[in-house]
Amino acid sequence: MLVNLSGIALILFISSFLRMDYDFKDGKRYMDLDVWYKGVNVGGIETKIGSSRYLPLQRLKDVWLEDQDVPYPVQLVRKPKNW
């Protein structure tokens, strides 16, 4: 999937205001941006800046979310270090 730089900038800007919390037995998962299409929640976007880490526990929770009866795929969007 190709996303232009202005699209990434918009996602990063919006993600600073919107965040969804999901409860797990091992703690919460904070999704930076929830994506809806025609009233249906179709997934989430995790934003990272520079070298910030996408931690193993985040990945594990994201795999679990995607593997449910109603899949919730999580896309990672990273702002480049030199941008």
PDB file of N, CA and C in Angstrom:
ATOM      1  N   MET A   1       0.843  -1.177   0.000  1.00  0.00           N
ATOM      2  CA  MET A   1       0.000   0.000   0.000  1.00  0.00           C
ATOM      3  C   MET A   1       0.887   1.239   0.000  1.00  0.00           C
ATOM      4  N   LEU A   2       0.633   2.136  -0.902  1.00  0.00           N
ATOM      5  CA  LEU A   2       1.406   3.367  -0.982  1.00  0.00           C
ATOM      6  C   LEU A   2       0.624   4.507  -0.360  1.00  0.00           C
ATOM      7  N   VAL A   3       1.289   5.239   0.510  1.00  0.00           N
ATOM      8  CA  VAL A   3       0.693   6.414   1.133  1.00  0.00           C
ATOM      9  C   VAL A   3       1.652   7.569   0.900  1.00  0.00           C
ATOM     10  N   ASN A   4       1.148   8.690   0.364  1.00  0.00           N
ATOM     11  CA  ASN A   4       2.049   9.817   0.131  1.00  0.00           C
ATOM     12  C   ASN A   4       2.369  10.526   1.441  1.00  0.00           C
ATOM     13  N   LEU A   5       3.381  11.368   1.419  1.00  0.00           N
ATOM     14  CA  LEU A   5       3.847  12.022   2.649  1.00  0.00           C
ATOM     15  C   LEU A   5       2.790  12.921   3.267  1.00  0.00           C
ATOM     16  N   SER A   6       1.970  13.583   2.459  1.00  0.00           N
ATOM     17  CA  SER A   6       0.935  14.430   3.049  1.00  0.00           C
ATOM     18  C   SER A   6      -0.105  13.573   3.760  1.00  0.00           C
ATOM     19  N   GLY A   7      -0.369  12.364   3.248  1.00  0.00           N
ATOM     20  CA  GLY A   7      -1.288  11.452   3.916  1.00  0.00           C
ATOM     21  C   GLY A   7      -0.738  10.997   5.258  1.00  0.00           C
ATOM     22  N   ILE A   8       0.558  10.699   5.306  1.00  0.00           N
ATOM     23  CA  ILE A   8       1.195  10.296   6.564  1.00  0.00           C
ATOM     24  C   ILE A   8       1.160  11.452   7.560  1.00  0.00           C
ATOM     25  N   ALA A   9       1.436  12.653   7.085  1.00  0.00           N
ATOM     26  CA  ALA A   9       1.405  13.820   7.979  1.00  0.00           C
ATOM     27  C   ALA A   9       0.012  14.007   8.563  1.00  0.00           C
ATOM     28  N   LEU A  10      -1.006  13.824   7.740  1.00  0.00           N
ATOM     29  CA  LEU A  10      -2.382  13.959   8.225  1.00  0.00           C
ATOM     30  C   LEU A  10      -2.692  12.899   9.269  1.00  0.00           C
ATOM     31  N   ILE A  11      -2.270  11.669   9.018  1.00  0.00           N
ATOM     32  CA  ILE A  11      -2.501  10.584   9.978  1.00  0.00           C
ATOM     33  C   ILE A  11      -1.802  10.889  11.298  1.00  0.00           C
ATOM     34  N   LEU A  12      -0.560  11.341  11.236  1.00  0.00           N
ATOM     35  CA  LEU A  12       0.172  11.658  12.461  1.00  0.00           C
ATOM     36  C   LEU A  12      -0.479  12.813  13.212  1.00  0.00           C
ATOM     37  N   PHE A  13      -0.964  13.803  12.490  1.00  0.00           N
ATOM     38  CA  PHE A  13      -1.630  14.942  13.129  1.00  0.00           C
ATOM     39  C   PHE A  13      -2.927  14.494  13.810  1.00  0.00           C
ATOM     40  N   ILE A  14      -3.752  13.763  13.081  1.00  0.00           N
ATOM     41  CA  ILE A  14      -5.027  13.303  13.638  1.00  0.00           C
ATOM     42  C   ILE A  14      -4.788  12.372  14.818  1.00  0.00           C
ATOM     43  N   SER A  15      -3.779  11.520  14.727  1.00  0.00           N
ATOM     44  CA  SER A  15      -3.546  10.536  15.787  1.00  0.00           C
ATOM     45  C   SER A  15      -3.162  11.197  17.107  1.00  0.00           C
ATOM     46  N   SER A  16      -2.711  12.435  17.047  1.00  0.00           N
ATOM     47  CA  SER A  16      -2.378  13.111  18.299  1.00  0.00           C
ATOM     48  C   SER A  16      -3.633  13.521  19.067  1.00  0.00           C
ATOM     49  N   PHE A  17      -4.797  13.486  18.410  1.00  0.00           N
ATOM     50  CA  PHE A  17      -6.055  13.857  19.059  1.00  0.00           C
ATOM     51  C   PHE A  17      -6.974  12.674  19.332  1.00  0.00           C
ATOM     52  N   LEU A  18      -6.859  11.623  18.549  1.00  0.00           N
ATOM     53  CA  LEU A  18      -7.758  10.482  18.654  1.00  0.00           C
ATOM     54  C   LEU A  18      -6.992   9.265  19.151  1.00  0.00           C
ATOM     55  N   ARG A  19      -7.611   8.524  20.050  1.00  0.00           N
ATOM     56  CA  ARG A  19      -6.983   7.295  20.517  1.00  0.00           C
ATOM     57  C   ARG A  19      -8.067   6.399  21.074  1.00  0.00           C
ATOM     58  N   MET A  20      -8.013   5.127  20.741  1.00  0.00           N
ATOM     59  CA  MET A  20      -8.976   4.157  21.249  1.00  0.00           C
ATOM     60  C   MET A  20      -8.256   3.225  22.219  1.00  0.00           C
ATOM     61  N   ASP A  21      -8.923   2.883  23.290  1.00  0.00           N
ATOM     62  CA  ASP A  21      -8.356   1.985  24.293  1.00  0.00           C
ATOM     63  C   ASP A  21      -9.086   0.644  24.236  1.00  0.00           C
ATOM     64  N   TYR A  22      -8.322  -0.441  24.224  1.00  0.00           N
ATOM     65  CA  TYR A  22      -8.879  -1.787  24.253  1.00  0.00           C
ATOM     66  C   TYR A  22      -8.324  -2.504  25.474  1.00  0.00           C
ATOM     67  N   ASP A  23      -9.196  -3.158  26.227  1.00  0.00           N
ATOM     68  CA  ASP A  23      -8.781  -3.861  27.442  1.00  0.00           C
ATOM     69  C   ASP A  23      -8.400  -5.305  27.136  1.00  0.00           C
ATOM     70  N   PHE A  24      -7.275  -5.726  27.686  1.00  0.00           N
ATOM     71  CA  PHE A  24      -6.802  -7.099  27.602  1.00  0.00           C
ATOM     72  C   PHE A  24      -6.498  -7.569  29.011  1.00  0.00           C
ATOM     73  N   LYS A  25      -6.398  -8.875  29.189  1.00  0.00           N
ATOM     74  CA  LYS A  25      -6.060  -9.382  30.522  1.00  0.00           C
ATOM     75  C   LYS A  25      -4.659  -8.944  30.950  1.00  0.00           C
ATOM     76  N   ASP A  26      -3.789  -8.635  29.971  1.00  0.00           N
ATOM     77  CA  ASP A  26      -2.426  -8.198  30.258  1.00  0.00           C
ATOM     78  C   ASP A  26      -2.267  -6.687  30.201  1.00  0.00           C
ATOM     79  N   GLY A  27      -3.372  -5.965  30.256  1.00  0.00           N
ATOM     80  CA  GLY A  27      -3.301  -4.517  30.217  1.00  0.00           C
ATOM     81  C   GLY A  27      -4.039  -3.949  29.016  1.00  0.00           C
ATOM     82  N   LYS A  28      -3.963  -2.657  28.845  1.00  0.00           N
ATOM     83  CA  LYS A  28      -4.663  -1.979  27.755  1.00  0.00           C
ATOM     84  C   LYS A  28      -3.817  -1.937  26.491  1.00  0.00           C
ATOM     85  N   ARG A  29      -4.510  -1.803  25.350  1.00  0.00           N
ATOM     86  CA  ARG A  29      -3.852  -1.543  24.063  1.00  0.00           C
ATOM     87  C   ARG A  29      -4.421  -0.229  23.574  1.00  0.00           C
ATOM     88  N   TYR A  30      -3.570   0.750  23.418  1.00  0.00           N
ATOM     89  CA  TYR A  30      -3.986   2.081  22.973  1.00  0.00           C
ATOM     90  C   TYR A  30      -3.754   2.182  21.472  1.00  0.00           C
ATOM     91  N   MET A  31      -4.842   2.258  20.709  1.00  0.00           N
ATOM     92  CA  MET A  31      -4.741   2.375  19.259  1.00  0.00           C
ATOM     93  C   MET A  31      -4.740   3.858  18.907  1.00  0.00           C
ATOM     94  N   ASP A  32      -3.762   4.280  18.112  1.00  0.00           N
ATOM     95  CA  ASP A  32      -3.638   5.701  17.786  1.00  0.00           C
ATOM     96  C   ASP A  32      -4.819   6.216  16.969  1.00  0.00           C
ATOM     97  N   LEU A  33      -5.307   5.426  16.053  1.00  0.00           N
ATOM     98  CA  LEU A  33      -6.390   5.876  15.190  1.00  0.00           C
ATOM     99  C   LEU A  33      -7.284   4.702  14.840  1.00  0.00           C
ATOM    100  N   ASP A  34      -8.570   4.842  15.097  1.00  0.00           N
ATOM    101  CA  ASP A  34      -9.565   3.844  14.720  1.00  0.00           C
ATOM    102  C   ASP A  34     -10.090   4.202  13.340  1.00  0.00           C
ATOM    103  N   VAL A  35     -10.203   3.224  12.446  1.00  0.00           N
ATOM    104  CA  VAL A  35     -10.653   3.470  11.084  1.00  0.00           C
ATOM    105  C   VAL A  35     -12.060   2.898  10.910  1.00  0.00           C
ATOM    106  N   TRP A  36     -12.972   3.755  10.457  1.00  0.00           N
ATOM    107  CA  TRP A  36     -14.363   3.358  10.241  1.00  0.00           C
ATOM    108  C   TRP A  36     -14.712   3.580   8.782  1.00  0.00           C
ATOM    109  N   TYR A  37     -15.550   2.699   8.236  1.00  0.00           N
ATOM    110  CA  TYR A  37     -16.029   2.833   6.867  1.00  0.00           C
ATOM    111  C   TYR A  37     -17.504   2.472   6.845  1.00  0.00           C
ATOM    112  N   LYS A  38     -18.345   3.420   6.471  1.00  0.00           N
ATOM    113  CA  LYS A  38     -19.794   3.235   6.426  1.00  0.00           C
ATOM    114  C   LYS A  38     -20.338   2.687   7.738  1.00  0.00           C
ATOM    115  N   GLY A  39     -19.853   3.235   8.848  1.00  0.00           N
ATOM    116  CA  GLY A  39     -20.345   2.859  10.164  1.00  0.00           C
ATOM    117  C   GLY A  39     -19.772   1.567  10.723  1.00  0.00           C
ATOM    118  N   VAL A  40     -18.816   0.969  10.033  1.00  0.00           N
ATOM    119  CA  VAL A  40     -18.209  -0.288  10.488  1.00  0.00           C
ATOM    120  C   VAL A  40     -16.744  -0.037  10.833  1.00  0.00           C
ATOM    121  N   ASN A  41     -16.325  -0.500  12.011  1.00  0.00           N
ATOM    122  CA  ASN A  41     -14.930  -0.383  12.428  1.00  0.00           C
ATOM    123  C   ASN A  41     -14.120  -1.411  11.647  1.00  0.00           C
ATOM    124  N   VAL A  42     -13.221  -0.937  10.782  1.00  0.00           N
ATOM    125  CA  VAL A  42     -12.479  -1.834   9.892  1.00  0.00           C
ATOM    126  C   VAL A  42     -11.016  -2.016  10.286  1.00  0.00           C
ATOM    127  N   GLY A  43     -10.571  -1.411  11.360  1.00  0.00           N
ATOM    128  CA  GLY A  43      -9.192  -1.607  11.787  1.00  0.00           C
ATOM    129  C   GLY A  43      -8.625  -0.395  12.487  1.00  0.00           C
ATOM    130  N   GLY A  44      -7.319  -0.457  12.712  1.00  0.00           N
ATOM    131  CA  GLY A  44      -6.646   0.618  13.414  1.00  0.00           C
ATOM    132  C   GLY A  44      -5.303   0.946  12.802  1.00  0.00           C
ATOM    133  N   ILE A  45      -4.804   2.110  13.142  1.00  0.00           N
ATOM    134  CA  ILE A  45      -3.486   2.552  12.678  1.00  0.00           C
ATOM    135  C   ILE A  45      -2.635   2.861  13.897  1.00  0.00           C
ATOM    136  N   GLU A  46      -1.467   2.267  13.935  1.00  0.00           N
ATOM    137  CA  GLU A  46      -0.470   2.524  14.973  1.00  0.00           C
ATOM    138  C   GLU A  46       0.583   3.436  14.357  1.00  0.00           C
ATOM    139  N   THR A  47       0.814   4.597  14.941  1.00  0.00           N
ATOM    140  CA  THR A  47       1.798   5.534  14.401  1.00  0.00           C
ATOM    141  C   THR A  47       3.061   5.512  15.262  1.00  0.00           C
ATOM    142  N   LYS A  48       4.181   5.595  14.584  1.00  0.00           N
ATOM    143  CA  LYS A  48       5.487   5.663  15.248  1.00  0.00           C
ATOM    144  C   LYS A  48       6.304   6.768  14.600  1.00  0.00           C
ATOM    145  N   ILE A  49       7.119   7.413  15.394  1.00  0.00           N
ATOM    146  CA  ILE A  49       7.966   8.489  14.901  1.00  0.00           C
ATOM    147  C   ILE A  49       9.423   8.100  15.101  1.00  0.00           C
ATOM    148  N   GLY A  50      10.207   8.253  14.028  1.00  0.00           N
ATOM    149  CA  GLY A  50      11.637   7.973  14.111  1.00  0.00           C
ATOM    150  C   GLY A  50      11.928   6.543  14.496  1.00  0.00           C
ATOM    151  N   SER A  51      12.693   6.366  15.554  1.00  0.00           N
ATOM    152  CA  SER A  51      13.112   5.018  15.958  1.00  0.00           C
ATOM    153  C   SER A  51      12.287   4.482  17.128  1.00  0.00           C
ATOM    154  N   SER A  52      11.116   5.076  17.392  1.00  0.00           N
ATOM    155  CA  SER A  52      10.290   4.561  18.486  1.00  0.00           C
ATOM    156  C   SER A  52       9.926   3.111  18.193  1.00  0.00           C
ATOM    157  N   ARG A  53       9.855   2.315  19.247  1.00  0.00           N
ATOM    158  CA  ARG A  53       9.730   0.867  19.091  1.00  0.00           C
ATOM    159  C   ARG A  53       8.276   0.418  19.031  1.00  0.00           C
ATOM    160  N   TYR A  54       8.051  -0.588  18.202  1.00  0.00           N
ATOM    161  CA  TYR A  54       6.768  -1.285  18.118  1.00  0.00           C
ATOM    162  C   TYR A  54       6.965  -2.535  18.967  1.00  0.00           C
ATOM    163  N   LEU A  55       6.590  -2.436  20.231  1.00  0.00           N
ATOM    164  CA  LEU A  55       6.948  -3.425  21.240  1.00  0.00           C
ATOM    165  C   LEU A  55       6.294  -4.786  21.011  1.00  0.00           C
ATOM    166  N   PRO A  56       6.965  -5.867  21.440  1.00  0.00           N
ATOM    167  CA  PRO A  56       6.422  -7.222  21.266  1.00  0.00           C
ATOM    168  C   PRO A  56       5.025  -7.395  21.862  1.00  0.00           C
ATOM    169  N   LEU A  57       4.749  -6.793  23.020  1.00  0.00           N
ATOM    170  CA  LEU A  57       3.421  -6.931  23.608  1.00  0.00           C
ATOM    171  C   LEU A  57       2.366  -6.231  22.743  1.00  0.00           C
ATOM    172  N   GLN A  58       2.726  -5.092  22.114  1.00  0.00           N
ATOM    173  CA  GLN A  58       1.814  -4.425  21.187  1.00  0.00           C
ATOM    174  C   GLN A  58       1.524  -5.346  20.005  1.00  0.00           C
ATOM    175  N   ARG A  59       2.574  -5.954  19.453  1.00  0.00           N
ATOM    176  CA  ARG A  59       2.411  -6.848  18.301  1.00  0.00           C
ATOM    177  C   ARG A  59       1.538  -8.043  18.649  1.00  0.00           C
ATOM    178  N   LEU A  60       1.749  -8.609  19.830  1.00  0.00           N
ATOM    179  CA  LEU A  60       0.967  -9.766  20.267  1.00  0.00           C
ATOM    180  C   LEU A  60      -0.512  -9.399  20.378  1.00  0.00           C
ATOM    181  N   LYS A  61      -0.810  -8.262  20.968  1.00  0.00           N
ATOM    182  CA  LYS A  61      -2.197  -7.814  21.087  1.00  0.00           C
ATOM    183  C   LYS A  61      -2.795  -7.524  19.712  1.00  0.00           C
ATOM    184  N   ASP A  62      -1.993  -6.979  18.800  1.00  0.00           N
ATOM    185  CA  ASP A  62      -2.481  -6.687  17.452  1.00  0.00           C
ATOM    186  C   ASP A  62      -2.794  -7.967  16.683  1.00  0.00           C
ATOM    187  N   VAL A  63      -1.975  -8.990  16.857  1.00  0.00           N
ATOM    188  CA  VAL A  63      -2.251 -10.289  16.229  1.00  0.00           C
ATOM    189  C   VAL A  63      -3.545 -10.859  16.778  1.00  0.00           C
ATOM    190  N   TRP A  64      -3.740 -10.738  18.088  1.00  0.00           N
ATOM    191  CA  TRP A  64      -4.973 -11.233  18.702  1.00  0.00           C
ATOM    192  C   TRP A  64      -6.185 -10.486  18.138  1.00  0.00           C
ATOM    193  N   LEU A  65      -6.090  -9.160  18.006  1.00  0.00           N
ATOM    194  CA  LEU A  65      -7.196  -8.369  17.462  1.00  0.00           C
ATOM    195  C   LEU A  65      -7.540  -8.799  16.034  1.00  0.00           C
ATOM    196  N   GLU A  66      -6.515  -9.103  15.250  1.00  0.00           N
ATOM    197  CA  GLU A  66      -6.744  -9.488  13.853  1.00  0.00           C
ATOM    198  C   GLU A  66      -7.304 -10.904  13.727  1.00  0.00           C
ATOM    199  N   ASP A  67      -7.116 -11.711  14.747  1.00  0.00           N
ATOM    200  CA  ASP A  67      -7.511 -13.120  14.697  1.00  0.00           C
ATOM    201  C   ASP A  67      -8.891 -13.387  15.298  1.00  0.00           C
ATOM    202  N   GLN A  68      -9.659 -12.343  15.580  1.00  0.00           N
ATOM    203  CA  GLN A  68     -10.987 -12.505  16.169  1.00  0.00           C
ATOM    204  C   GLN A  68     -12.027 -12.824  15.099  1.00  0.00           C
ATOM    205  N   ASP A  69     -13.243 -13.187  15.537  1.00  0.00           N
ATOM    206  CA  ASP A  69     -14.338 -13.476  14.606  1.00  0.00           C
ATOM    207  C   ASP A  69     -14.591 -12.298  13.671  1.00  0.00           C
ATOM    208  N   VAL A  70     -14.526 -11.099  14.220  1.00  0.00           N
ATOM    209  CA  VAL A  70     -14.592  -9.884  13.408  1.00  0.00           C
ATOM    210  C   VAL A  70     -13.187  -9.295  13.423  1.00  0.00           C
ATOM    211  N   PRO A  71     -12.398  -9.553  12.369  1.00  0.00           N
ATOM    212  CA  PRO A  71     -10.990  -9.120  12.367  1.00  0.00           C
ATOM    213  C   PRO A  71     -10.832  -7.611  12.506  1.00  0.00           C
ATOM    214  N   TYR A  72      -9.805  -7.219  13.246  1.00  0.00           N
ATOM    215  CA  TYR A  72      -9.453  -5.818  13.440  1.00  0.00           C
ATOM    216  C   TYR A  72      -7.981  -5.680  13.058  1.00  0.00           C
ATOM    217  N   PRO A  73      -7.690  -5.504  11.750  1.00  0.00           N
ATOM    218  CA  PRO A  73      -6.289  -5.395  11.336  1.00  0.00           C
ATOM    219  C   PRO A  73      -5.662  -4.080  11.794  1.00  0.00           C
ATOM    220  N   VAL A  74      -4.400  -4.148  12.161  1.00  0.00           N
ATOM    221  CA  VAL A  74      -3.661  -2.971  12.605  1.00  0.00           C
ATOM    222  C   VAL A  74      -2.537  -2.698  11.613  1.00  0.00           C
ATOM    223  N   GLN A  75      -2.499  -1.462  11.096  1.00  0.00           N
ATOM    224  CA  GLN A  75      -1.457  -1.053  10.161  1.00  0.00           C
ATOM    225  C   GLN A  75      -0.477  -0.140  10.892  1.00  0.00           C
ATOM    226  N   LEU A  76       0.802  -0.359  10.659  1.00  0.00           N
ATOM    227  CA  LEU A  76       1.846   0.477  11.253  1.00  0.00           C
ATOM    228  C   LEU A  76       2.240   1.552  10.253  1.00  0.00           C
ATOM    229  N   VAL A  77       2.228   2.807  10.692  1.00  0.00           N
ATOM    230  CA  VAL A  77       2.669   3.935   9.872  1.00  0.00           C
ATOM    231  C   VAL A  77       3.791   4.617  10.640  1.00  0.00           C
ATOM    232  N   ARG A  78       4.952   4.718   9.998  1.00  0.00           N
ATOM    233  CA  ARG A  78       6.127   5.287  10.665  1.00  0.00           C
ATOM    234  C   ARG A  78       6.602   6.535   9.922  1.00  0.00           C
ATOM    235  N   LYS A  79       6.808   7.615  10.684  1.00  0.00           N
ATOM    236  CA  LYS A  79       7.402   8.830  10.136  1.00  0.00           C
ATOM    237  C   LYS A  79       8.908   8.625  10.076  1.00  0.00           C
ATOM    238  N   PRO A  80       9.527   8.812   8.913  1.00  0.00           N
ATOM    239  CA  PRO A  80      10.974   8.607   8.793  1.00  0.00           C
ATOM    240  C   PRO A  80      11.765   9.547   9.706  1.00  0.00           C
ATOM    241  N   LYS A  81      12.932   9.076  10.124  1.00  0.00           N
ATOM    242  CA  LYS A  81      13.785   9.859  11.035  1.00  0.00           C
ATOM    243  C   LYS A  81      14.189  11.203  10.429  1.00  0.00           C
ATOM    244  N   ASN A  82      14.498  11.210   9.140  1.00  0.00           N
ATOM    245  CA  ASN A  82      15.032  12.426   8.508  1.00  0.00           C
ATOM    246  C   ASN A  82      13.947  13.268   7.841  1.00  0.00           C
ATOM    247  N   TRP A  83      12.697  13.067   8.153  1.00  0.00           N
ATOM    248  CA  TRP A  83      11.596  13.762   7.494  1.00  0.00           C
ATOM    249  C   TRP A  83      11.264  15.050   8.182  1.00  0.00           C
TER     250      TRP A  83
END
